[in-house]
Amino acid sequence: MLQATGATILGMPVARLLAAHNKAAATKAEHVILFWNGGGMSHIDTWDPKPGRPVQGEFSAINTSADGIQISSIFPNLARQMHHCALVRSVVGSNGAHARATYELQTSYNVDPTLIHPGLGSIVVHEKDRIGDLPSFITINGQAPKPGYFGQSCAAYYVGEPGDTDPYLAFPAGIHEARGNERLDLLARMNARAIKQSGNAAFKATETAMKEAVALMKSPALKVFDLDKENPNTLARYGDTDFGRGALLARKLVETGVRFVQINRGGFDTHSNNFPAMENHGLEMDPALGALIEDLAVNGKLSSTLVLMLSEFGRTPRINNNAGRDHHASCFSCLIAGGGIKGGRVIGASDKDAMEPISRQVKPSDLHATVCHALGIDHEKEVYTSQDRPSMLIREGAEPIRELFV
């Protein structure tokens, strides 16, 4: 009643006080693990199976640990962890081309030729304080989106092969530590002089990258990247593949304090031979995803770690003449776990053949707003570009999927 009448308490509108309380109560996440599946992952062959329909394809739907929720048979291990997970089956994109759809799913915005928007990882590390010595944003098995107008300090640290030593984080052979430090000091002075004389932003970005690299090189936390000392049984559970090692490394990184980890996997553009390709994806992805979510739940880290799997769009329900599926942006799905969400539920629904949503349409920007909501970030915050142009942190009109948190 007080809210409806516009009443105030100590000069603050009751509606705003209630909104602030609800926002604070929902904030539980401190870290994000984003699995980015490039190419457009089939929603029917993963999170939204249609058993008995002509669009079903070669995979069956299997029951999971969440009552009433079925997923594709390529994910038997993950099925046992679905009580920790939620599915959104009604995502509606606006781009059917890879580059433009990738940009939208990673930044929440459509491509703008005059501006590069920061990706989701850069948004998170811009808004959340750093924890520990490691970079706040790490990308594995592929490059992450550019930080855009947030600059080099919000760029991702790149890990090409999870478990391999970064050769750039050690002095070259024959250069002892004292001599190496002298070279670094000389380089820092030269960079500072160049920045002062030219004012070029590129020099400033280089200086930031150098400071980050030197700090990381000298940090004892660097040992977290070494997977060779990991228990062989643990590696076997995740799968001794790039994807499995990447998922294991992601778990270790968030346990060390890293804010945002992105794991990249390609090969989902299955215009032909969709089913053997998806079966091979499942063989690598399923053990890693199941082990990751189980371990995060056991060690108490799942409640503060939001796990998200995205792709730029889905695939057509219709199977083409090459036994493949084509681009389909008008309805697709995503997986979310942890970070304060309530597992074992489905948000939205597609029609009988997964062509179009029939309830609770979700925009890609709503997914970004949901991540911000989980982390306690104001997704409607106004920020400024390097040209002092005002911009919204997340695309205007985005709304968190609040049903995930209640």
Protein backbone atom coordinates (compact mmCIF):
# COMPACT_ATOMS: atom_id res chain seq x y z
CA MET A 1 0.00 0.00 0.00
CA LEU A 2 2.82 2.39 0.92
CA GLN A 3 4.54 1.63 -2.37
CA ALA A 4 1.35 2.20 -4.36
CA THR A 5 0.70 5.59 -2.75
CA GLY A 6 4.23 6.83 -3.40
CA ALA A 7 5.01 7.21 0.31
CA THR A 8 8.50 8.07 1.54
CA ILE A 9 10.62 7.07 4.53
CA LEU A 10 13.31 9.54 5.57
CA GLY A 11 12.88 11.25 2.22
CA MET A 12 13.41 8.04 0.19
CA PRO A 13 10.49 6.68 -1.87
CA VAL A 14 9.33 3.33 -0.54
CA ALA A 15 9.41 1.83 -4.05
CA ARG A 16 13.12 2.66 -4.35
CA LEU A 17 13.87 1.25 -0.89
CA LEU A 18 12.13 -2.00 -1.79
CA ALA A 19 13.98 -2.22 -5.09
CA ALA A 20 17.33 -1.65 -3.36
CA HIS A 21 16.51 -4.32 -0.78
CA ASN A 22 15.53 -6.86 -3.42
CA LYS A 23 18.66 -6.12 -5.43
CA ALA A 24 20.93 -6.57 -2.41
CA ALA A 25 19.19 -9.76 -1.36
CA ALA A 26 19.68 -11.30 -4.80
CA THR A 27 23.38 -10.47 -5.05
CA LYS A 28 25.38 -13.61 -4.38
CA ALA A 29 27.79 -14.08 -7.27
CA GLU A 30 31.42 -12.99 -7.21
CA HIS A 31 32.73 -14.85 -10.27
CA VAL A 32 31.56 -15.86 -13.74
CA ILE A 33 32.58 -18.80 -15.93
CA LEU A 34 31.36 -18.28 -19.49
CA PHE A 35 31.48 -21.13 -21.99
CA TRP A 36 31.36 -19.58 -25.44
CA ASN A 37 30.42 -22.08 -28.18
CA GLY A 38 31.22 -20.44 -31.49
CA GLY A 39 29.33 -21.31 -34.64
CA GLY A 40 25.77 -21.49 -33.36
CA MET A 41 25.02 -24.49 -31.16
CA SER A 42 21.90 -26.51 -31.92
CA HIS A 43 19.33 -25.96 -29.17
CA ILE A 44 17.31 -29.05 -30.15
CA ASP A 45 20.37 -31.31 -29.83
CA THR A 46 21.31 -29.88 -26.42
CA TRP A 47 18.89 -28.04 -24.09
CA ASP A 48 15.52 -28.20 -25.86
CA PRO A 49 14.97 -31.71 -27.26
CA LYS A 50 11.74 -32.47 -29.06
CA PRO A 51 11.20 -36.23 -28.70
CA GLY A 52 8.79 -37.75 -31.16
CA ARG A 53 8.78 -34.75 -33.48
CA PRO A 54 10.20 -34.83 -37.05
CA VAL A 55 12.82 -32.28 -35.94
CA GLN A 56 14.19 -34.55 -33.19
CA GLY A 57 17.17 -35.88 -35.11
CA GLU A 58 19.37 -38.72 -33.92
CA PHE A 59 19.51 -38.00 -30.19
CA SER A 60 16.98 -38.98 -27.57
CA ALA A 61 15.80 -36.89 -24.64
CA ILE A 62 16.95 -38.12 -21.22
CA ASN A 63 15.62 -37.44 -17.76
CA THR A 64 17.76 -35.43 -15.37
CA SER A 65 18.16 -34.89 -11.64
CA ALA A 66 15.65 -32.04 -11.97
CA ASP A 67 12.09 -33.32 -12.04
CA GLY A 68 10.38 -32.83 -15.38
CA ILE A 69 13.45 -31.49 -17.19
CA GLN A 70 14.94 -33.42 -20.08
CA ILE A 71 18.06 -32.64 -22.08
CA SER A 72 19.85 -34.31 -24.98
CA SER A 73 21.33 -37.78 -24.53
CA ILE A 74 24.78 -36.39 -25.39
CA PHE A 75 24.95 -34.99 -21.81
CA PRO A 76 24.49 -37.96 -19.40
CA ASN A 77 26.95 -36.64 -16.78
CA LEU A 78 25.53 -33.14 -16.83
CA ALA A 79 22.02 -34.61 -16.52
CA ARG A 80 22.97 -35.73 -13.00
CA GLN A 81 23.75 -32.12 -12.06
CA MET A 82 20.69 -30.44 -13.55
CA HIS A 83 19.18 -29.77 -10.12
CA HIS A 84 21.91 -27.11 -9.88
CA CYS A 85 21.13 -25.69 -13.34
CA ALA A 86 18.47 -23.67 -15.10
CA LEU A 87 17.62 -23.54 -18.78
CA VAL A 88 16.33 -20.59 -20.77
CA ARG A 89 14.53 -21.97 -23.83
CA SER A 90 13.12 -18.77 -25.31
CA VAL A 91 16.10 -16.60 -26.29
CA VAL A 92 15.34 -14.43 -29.33
CA GLY A 93 18.27 -12.94 -31.20
CA SER A 94 18.15 -10.33 -33.94
CA ASN A 95 21.11 -11.46 -36.07
CA GLY A 96 21.53 -14.57 -38.22
CA ALA A 97 25.11 -13.86 -39.35
CA HIS A 98 27.98 -15.13 -37.23
CA ALA A 99 29.93 -11.92 -36.68
CA ARG A 100 26.94 -9.73 -35.91
CA ALA A 101 25.31 -12.36 -33.71
CA THR A 102 28.56 -12.95 -31.82
CA TYR A 103 28.84 -9.22 -31.18
CA GLU A 104 25.27 -9.07 -29.85
CA LEU A 105 25.59 -12.14 -27.61
CA GLN A 106 28.93 -10.99 -26.23
CA THR A 107 28.26 -7.26 -25.76
CA SER A 108 24.41 -7.03 -25.63
CA TYR A 109 24.55 -4.45 -28.44
CA ASN A 110 24.19 -4.59 -32.20
CA VAL A 111 27.26 -3.71 -34.27
CA ASP A 112 27.92 0.03 -34.39
CA PRO A 113 30.51 1.14 -36.97
CA THR A 114 31.41 4.15 -34.82
CA LEU A 115 31.95 2.33 -31.52
CA ILE A 116 33.33 -0.90 -30.08
CA HIS A 117 31.33 -1.99 -27.04
CA PRO A 118 33.05 -3.96 -24.29
CA GLY A 119 32.34 -7.67 -23.96
CA LEU A 120 30.64 -9.15 -20.93
CA GLY A 121 33.92 -10.08 -19.22
CA SER A 122 35.26 -6.54 -19.57
CA ILE A 123 32.01 -5.15 -18.16
CA VAL A 124 32.28 -7.37 -15.10
CA VAL A 125 35.92 -6.56 -14.33
CA HIS A 126 35.28 -2.84 -14.89
CA GLU A 127 32.54 -2.87 -12.27
CA LYS A 128 33.97 -5.34 -9.72
CA ASP A 129 37.15 -4.89 -7.68
CA ARG A 130 40.11 -7.12 -8.40
CA ILE A 131 40.83 -10.02 -6.05
CA GLY A 132 44.43 -11.20 -5.66
CA ASP A 133 47.37 -11.09 -8.07
CA LEU A 134 45.93 -12.88 -11.07
CA PRO A 135 44.22 -10.94 -13.88
CA SER A 136 40.52 -10.38 -13.26
CA PHE A 137 39.59 -11.60 -16.76
CA ILE A 138 41.12 -14.70 -18.34
CA THR A 139 40.17 -16.29 -21.66
CA ILE A 140 41.06 -19.90 -22.48
CA ASN A 141 41.35 -21.70 -25.85
CA GLY A 142 40.50 -18.58 -27.82
CA GLN A 143 40.28 -14.82 -27.78
CA ALA A 144 37.62 -12.89 -25.89
CA PRO A 145 35.87 -9.76 -27.19
CA LYS A 146 37.76 -6.49 -27.04
CA PRO A 147 37.38 -4.27 -23.97
CA GLY A 148 36.19 -1.42 -26.17
CA TYR A 149 36.06 1.97 -24.49
CA PHE A 150 37.00 0.45 -21.10
CA GLY A 151 40.57 0.10 -22.31
CA GLN A 152 43.48 -2.25 -21.75
CA SER A 153 42.92 -2.59 -18.00
CA CYS A 154 39.71 -4.52 -18.75
CA ALA A 155 41.16 -6.73 -21.48
CA ALA A 156 41.40 -10.50 -21.09
CA TYR A 157 44.60 -12.37 -20.36
CA TYR A 158 44.91 -15.05 -23.02
CA VAL A 159 45.66 -18.72 -22.25
CA GLY A 160 46.18 -20.65 -25.47
CA GLU A 161 46.69 -24.17 -24.14
CA PRO A 162 45.38 -24.74 -20.61
CA GLY A 163 48.17 -26.13 -18.46
CA ASP A 164 51.05 -24.87 -20.62
CA THR A 165 53.52 -22.35 -19.22
CA ASP A 166 53.27 -18.88 -20.74
CA PRO A 167 56.73 -18.26 -22.27
CA TYR A 168 56.25 -14.51 -21.96
CA LEU A 169 56.04 -14.67 -18.17
CA ALA A 170 59.69 -15.57 -17.67
CA PHE A 171 63.00 -13.97 -18.63
CA PRO A 172 64.69 -15.49 -21.70
CA ALA A 173 67.28 -18.20 -21.19
CA GLY A 174 70.57 -16.71 -20.05
CA ILE A 175 69.00 -13.60 -18.52
CA HIS A 176 69.18 -13.80 -14.73
CA GLU A 177 66.60 -12.08 -12.53
CA ALA A 178 68.67 -9.02 -11.60
CA ARG A 179 69.55 -8.29 -15.22
CA GLY A 180 65.97 -8.92 -16.30
CA ASN A 181 64.64 -6.48 -13.71
CA GLU A 182 67.10 -3.84 -14.92
CA ARG A 183 65.75 -4.25 -18.44
CA LEU A 184 62.18 -3.93 -17.20
CA ASP A 185 63.03 -0.73 -15.31
CA LEU A 186 64.66 0.71 -18.44
CA LEU A 187 61.64 -0.21 -20.55
CA ALA A 188 59.30 1.40 -18.01
CA ARG A 189 61.25 4.66 -18.14
CA MET A 190 61.26 4.65 -21.94
CA ASN A 191 57.52 4.02 -22.05
CA ALA A 192 56.85 6.78 -19.51
CA ARG A 193 58.88 9.23 -21.61
CA ALA A 194 57.05 8.23 -24.81
CA ILE A 195 53.66 8.65 -23.12
CA LYS A 196 54.60 12.08 -21.80
CA GLN A 197 55.90 13.28 -25.16
CA SER A 198 53.17 11.92 -27.44
CA GLY A 199 50.10 11.38 -25.26
CA ASN A 200 49.25 8.47 -27.56
CA ALA A 201 46.64 6.18 -25.99
CA ALA A 202 48.37 3.15 -27.52
CA PHE A 203 51.45 3.82 -25.39
CA LYS A 204 49.28 3.98 -22.28
CA ALA A 205 47.68 0.66 -23.16
CA THR A 206 51.13 -0.88 -23.63
CA GLU A 207 52.25 0.44 -20.25
CA THR A 208 49.17 -1.08 -18.58
CA ALA A 209 49.79 -4.45 -20.26
CA MET A 210 53.45 -4.41 -19.20
CA LYS A 211 52.61 -3.70 -15.57
CA GLU A 212 50.06 -6.52 -15.55
CA ALA A 213 52.55 -8.97 -17.09
CA VAL A 214 55.34 -8.09 -14.67
CA ALA A 215 53.05 -8.34 -11.64
CA LEU A 216 51.82 -11.74 -12.83
CA MET A 217 55.34 -12.98 -13.56
CA LYS A 218 56.37 -12.29 -9.97
CA SER A 219 53.23 -13.65 -8.30
CA PRO A 220 53.21 -16.99 -6.45
CA ALA A 221 49.61 -17.38 -7.67
CA LEU A 222 51.03 -18.16 -11.11
CA LYS A 223 51.32 -21.81 -10.10
CA VAL A 224 47.53 -22.21 -10.50
CA PHE A 225 48.08 -22.48 -14.27
CA ASP A 226 50.18 -25.64 -13.88
CA LEU A 227 47.87 -28.62 -14.37
CA ASP A 228 50.66 -31.22 -14.54
CA LYS A 229 50.62 -31.51 -10.76
CA GLU A 230 46.86 -32.03 -10.72
CA ASN A 231 45.53 -35.34 -9.42
CA PRO A 232 45.32 -37.74 -12.43
CA ASN A 233 41.87 -38.87 -11.27
CA THR A 234 40.64 -35.27 -11.42
CA LEU A 235 41.98 -34.81 -14.94
CA ALA A 236 40.27 -38.06 -15.94
CA ARG A 237 36.93 -36.86 -14.55
CA TYR A 238 37.08 -33.61 -16.53
CA GLY A 239 38.62 -35.27 -19.57
CA ASP A 240 42.23 -34.77 -20.60
CA THR A 241 41.25 -32.60 -23.56
CA ASP A 242 41.59 -28.89 -24.23
CA PHE A 243 37.99 -28.42 -23.15
CA GLY A 244 38.30 -30.59 -20.04
CA ARG A 245 41.56 -28.96 -18.98
CA GLY A 246 40.03 -25.56 -19.68
CA ALA A 247 37.05 -26.28 -17.43
CA LEU A 248 39.34 -27.57 -14.67
CA LEU A 249 41.57 -24.51 -14.99
CA ALA A 250 38.48 -22.26 -14.83
CA ARG A 251 37.48 -23.87 -11.53
CA LYS A 252 40.96 -23.36 -10.09
CA LEU A 253 41.04 -19.75 -11.30
CA VAL A 254 37.78 -18.73 -9.64
CA GLU A 255 38.92 -20.49 -6.47
CA THR A 256 41.99 -18.24 -6.63
CA GLY A 257 39.87 -15.11 -7.03
CA VAL A 258 39.63 -14.50 -10.78
CA ARG A 259 36.42 -12.64 -11.53
CA PHE A 260 35.65 -13.77 -15.08
CA VAL A 261 36.85 -16.81 -17.02
CA GLN A 262 35.81 -17.41 -20.63
CA ILE A 263 36.31 -20.84 -22.21
CA ASN A 264 36.02 -20.89 -25.99
CA ARG A 265 35.06 -23.78 -28.23
CA GLY A 266 34.29 -23.70 -31.94
CA GLY A 267 32.91 -26.17 -34.45
CA PHE A 268 29.16 -25.65 -33.96
CA ASP A 269 28.43 -24.33 -37.46
CA THR A 270 26.97 -27.69 -38.49
CA HIS A 271 25.40 -27.07 -41.90
CA SER A 272 26.28 -30.67 -42.69
CA ASN A 273 26.82 -33.82 -40.64
CA ASN A 274 25.31 -32.19 -37.57
CA PHE A 275 24.80 -35.34 -35.55
CA PRO A 276 28.29 -36.89 -35.53
CA ALA A 277 29.68 -33.41 -34.84
CA MET A 278 27.35 -32.88 -31.89
CA GLU A 279 28.06 -36.36 -30.57
CA ASN A 280 31.80 -35.57 -30.58
CA HIS A 281 31.13 -32.27 -28.83
CA GLY A 282 29.17 -34.10 -26.16
CA LEU A 283 31.97 -36.62 -25.57
CA GLU A 284 34.34 -33.78 -24.61
CA MET A 285 31.94 -31.28 -23.07
CA ASP A 286 29.75 -33.55 -20.96
CA PRO A 287 32.32 -34.94 -18.48
CA ALA A 288 33.90 -31.52 -18.04
CA LEU A 289 30.61 -29.69 -17.41
CA GLY A 290 29.33 -32.37 -15.06
CA ALA A 291 32.57 -32.45 -13.06
CA LEU A 292 32.84 -28.65 -12.91
CA ILE A 293 29.35 -28.08 -11.55
CA GLU A 294 29.63 -31.00 -9.14
CA ASP A 295 32.98 -29.80 -7.78
CA LEU A 296 31.83 -26.20 -7.42
CA ALA A 297 28.78 -27.43 -5.50
CA VAL A 298 30.84 -29.71 -3.23
CA ASN A 299 33.43 -27.08 -2.36
CA GLY A 300 30.79 -24.41 -1.72
CA LYS A 301 31.87 -22.21 -4.62
CA LEU A 302 28.83 -22.71 -6.86
CA SER A 303 26.68 -20.26 -4.92
CA SER A 304 29.16 -17.48 -5.71
CA THR A 305 30.10 -18.59 -9.24
CA LEU A 306 27.72 -18.03 -12.13
CA VAL A 307 28.23 -20.60 -14.91
CA LEU A 308 26.83 -19.62 -18.29
CA MET A 309 26.92 -21.34 -21.70
CA LEU A 310 26.14 -19.21 -24.75
CA SER A 311 26.34 -19.41 -28.52
CA GLU A 312 25.49 -16.80 -31.11
CA PHE A 313 22.23 -18.49 -32.13
CA GLY A 314 20.63 -21.92 -32.46
CA ARG A 315 20.19 -24.18 -35.47
CA THR A 316 17.14 -24.75 -37.64
CA PRO A 317 14.72 -27.40 -36.43
CA ARG A 318 14.46 -28.56 -40.04
CA ILE A 319 17.25 -30.96 -40.96
CA ASN A 320 18.65 -30.03 -44.38
CA ASN A 321 19.65 -32.33 -47.26
CA ASN A 322 23.20 -32.58 -45.90
CA ALA A 323 22.06 -33.96 -42.54
CA GLY A 324 22.81 -30.58 -41.03
CA ARG A 325 21.03 -27.67 -39.43
CA ASP A 326 21.33 -24.05 -40.53
CA HIS A 327 21.36 -20.70 -38.69
CA HIS A 328 18.35 -20.00 -36.47
CA ALA A 329 18.26 -16.82 -34.38
CA SER A 330 14.53 -16.56 -33.70
CA CYS A 331 14.56 -19.14 -30.89
CA PHE A 332 17.42 -20.79 -29.01
CA SER A 333 18.51 -21.77 -25.51
CA CYS A 334 21.18 -21.27 -22.89
CA LEU A 335 22.34 -23.01 -19.71
CA ILE A 336 22.86 -21.16 -16.41
CA ALA A 337 24.02 -22.52 -13.06
CA GLY A 338 25.15 -21.17 -9.70
CA GLY A 339 25.62 -17.56 -8.71
CA GLY A 340 22.48 -17.42 -6.61
CA ILE A 341 20.04 -18.77 -9.18
CA LYS A 342 17.56 -21.47 -8.26
CA GLY A 343 18.42 -24.67 -10.09
CA GLY A 344 16.12 -27.28 -11.53
CA ARG A 345 13.91 -24.92 -13.52
CA VAL A 346 13.17 -23.84 -17.06
CA ILE A 347 12.49 -20.26 -18.11
CA GLY A 348 10.36 -19.82 -21.22
CA ALA A 349 9.29 -22.40 -23.75
CA SER A 350 9.49 -22.94 -27.48
CA ASP A 351 6.74 -24.29 -29.69
CA LYS A 352 6.37 -27.98 -30.52
CA ASP A 353 9.21 -27.86 -33.07
CA ALA A 354 11.45 -25.26 -31.32
CA MET A 355 10.84 -22.76 -34.10
CA GLU A 356 9.57 -19.81 -32.04
CA PRO A 357 9.11 -19.00 -28.35
CA ILE A 358 5.59 -19.42 -27.02
CA SER A 359 6.26 -17.92 -23.58
CA ARG A 360 8.63 -15.55 -21.79
CA GLN A 361 10.74 -14.22 -24.64
CA VAL A 362 14.28 -13.37 -23.52
CA LYS A 363 16.54 -10.97 -25.42
CA PRO A 364 20.33 -11.50 -25.47
CA SER A 365 20.69 -8.25 -23.55
CA ASP A 366 18.45 -9.72 -20.82
CA LEU A 367 21.09 -12.42 -20.28
CA HIS A 368 23.70 -9.70 -19.74
CA ALA A 369 21.41 -7.87 -17.36
CA THR A 370 20.91 -11.15 -15.48
CA VAL A 371 24.65 -11.58 -15.03
CA CYS A 372 24.88 -8.02 -13.73
CA HIS A 373 21.96 -8.63 -11.37
CA ALA A 374 23.64 -11.73 -9.95
CA LEU A 375 26.84 -9.77 -9.34
CA GLY A 376 25.18 -6.70 -7.87
CA ILE A 377 26.05 -4.52 -10.87
CA ASP A 378 23.63 -1.81 -12.00
CA HIS A 379 22.98 -2.83 -15.61
CA GLU A 380 21.37 0.57 -16.30
CA LYS A 381 24.48 2.48 -15.24
CA GLU A 382 25.55 5.25 -17.59
CA VAL A 383 29.19 5.08 -18.67
CA TYR A 384 31.26 7.22 -21.01
CA THR A 385 33.23 6.18 -24.06
CA SER A 386 36.74 7.39 -24.85
CA GLN A 387 35.10 10.17 -26.89
CA ASP A 388 33.06 11.18 -23.83
CA ARG A 389 29.87 9.87 -25.38
CA PRO A 390 27.34 8.58 -22.84
CA SER A 391 26.40 4.92 -23.18
CA MET A 392 24.46 2.39 -21.14
CA LEU A 393 26.48 -0.39 -19.53
CA ILE A 394 24.00 -2.90 -21.00
CA ARG A 395 21.78 -2.18 -23.99
CA GLU A 396 18.77 -0.05 -23.09
CA GLY A 397 15.60 -2.00 -22.41
CA ALA A 398 17.35 -5.04 -20.97
CA GLU A 399 15.81 -6.65 -17.89
CA PRO A 400 17.23 -9.37 -15.63
CA ILE A 401 15.47 -12.73 -15.61
CA ARG A 402 14.36 -12.31 -12.02
CA GLU A 403 12.47 -15.62 -11.96
CA LEU A 404 15.84 -17.34 -11.83
CA PHE A 405 16.50 -15.96 -8.35
CA VAL A 406 13.22 -16.62 -6.52
